[in-house]
Amino acid sequence: MTKTSAQAVPCPICGRPADPRLRPFCSERCSDIDLGRWLSDRYVIPTSDDDDGEPELPPNPDRR
């Protein structure tokens, strides 16, 4: 990636050009805002509710 293309990407928080040292953010302030959003559960990664963490095993025909 060239330096000009890194600068063309806007900061996801404020929209200003990203600083290559802090990519994808333009400043430490915007980086801290993003971290705060993750820590306060404002951002979440969707998962299915029926997943209990145990892998489902196929039925065993030899088992009675």
Protein backbone atom coordinates (compact mmCIF):
# COMPACT_ATOMS: atom_id res chain seq x y z
CA MET A 1 0.00 0.00 0.00
CA THR A 2 1.41 3.37 -0.92
CA LYS A 3 1.48 6.33 1.41
CA THR A 4 -1.07 8.24 -0.68
CA SER A 5 -3.59 5.39 -0.62
CA ALA A 6 -3.28 5.09 3.18
CA GLN A 7 -4.05 8.78 3.51
CA ALA A 8 -7.09 8.50 1.23
CA VAL A 9 -8.88 6.16 3.67
CA PRO A 10 -11.08 8.20 6.01
CA CYS A 11 -11.06 7.74 9.77
CA PRO A 12 -14.08 5.58 10.73
CA ILE A 13 -14.86 7.88 13.69
CA CYS A 14 -14.63 11.42 12.30
CA GLY A 15 -14.03 11.05 8.55
CA ARG A 16 -10.71 12.90 8.40
CA PRO A 17 -7.81 11.32 6.47
CA ALA A 18 -6.19 8.48 8.44
CA ASP A 19 -2.71 8.87 9.92
CA PRO A 20 -0.49 6.03 8.61
CA ARG A 21 0.94 5.53 12.13
CA LEU A 22 -2.55 5.11 13.65
CA ARG A 23 -4.34 3.53 10.71
CA PRO A 24 -7.30 3.36 10.32
CA PHE A 25 -7.69 6.33 12.69
CA CYS A 26 -6.58 9.93 12.28
CA SER A 27 -5.59 10.49 15.92
CA GLU A 28 -5.17 8.81 19.28
CA ARG A 29 -8.43 10.48 20.33
CA CYS A 30 -10.41 8.68 17.61
CA SER A 31 -8.61 5.44 18.45
CA ASP A 32 -9.61 5.84 22.12
CA ILE A 33 -13.23 6.60 21.17
CA ASP A 34 -13.35 3.38 19.15
CA LEU A 35 -11.84 1.36 22.02
CA GLY A 36 -14.39 2.85 24.42
CA ARG A 37 -17.21 1.80 22.12
CA TRP A 38 -15.95 -1.80 22.11
CA LEU A 39 -15.50 -1.84 25.89
CA SER A 40 -18.99 -0.44 26.53
CA ASP A 41 -20.61 -3.09 24.28
CA ARG A 42 -21.70 -0.47 21.77
CA TYR A 43 -20.10 -2.64 19.11
CA VAL A 44 -20.95 -6.34 19.16
CA ILE A 45 -20.14 -9.32 17.00
CA PRO A 46 -23.36 -11.19 16.22
CA THR A 47 -23.60 -14.84 17.24
CA SER A 48 -26.41 -17.34 17.27
CA ASP A 49 -28.27 -17.69 20.57
CA ASP A 50 -28.75 -21.44 20.26
CA ASP A 51 -25.00 -22.13 20.39
CA ASP A 52 -24.13 -23.45 23.86
CA GLY A 53 -20.43 -23.83 23.12
CA GLU A 54 -20.59 -27.61 22.74
CA PRO A 55 -20.13 -29.03 19.25
CA GLU A 56 -23.10 -31.08 18.10
CA LEU A 57 -22.12 -34.67 17.40
CA PRO A 58 -23.80 -36.71 14.67
CA PRO A 59 -25.92 -39.66 15.83
CA ASN A 60 -23.96 -42.86 16.39
CA PRO A 61 -25.84 -45.85 14.84
CA ASP A 62 -23.78 -48.34 16.93
CA ARG A 63 -24.89 -46.76 20.16
CA ARG A 64 -28.05 -48.08 21.90
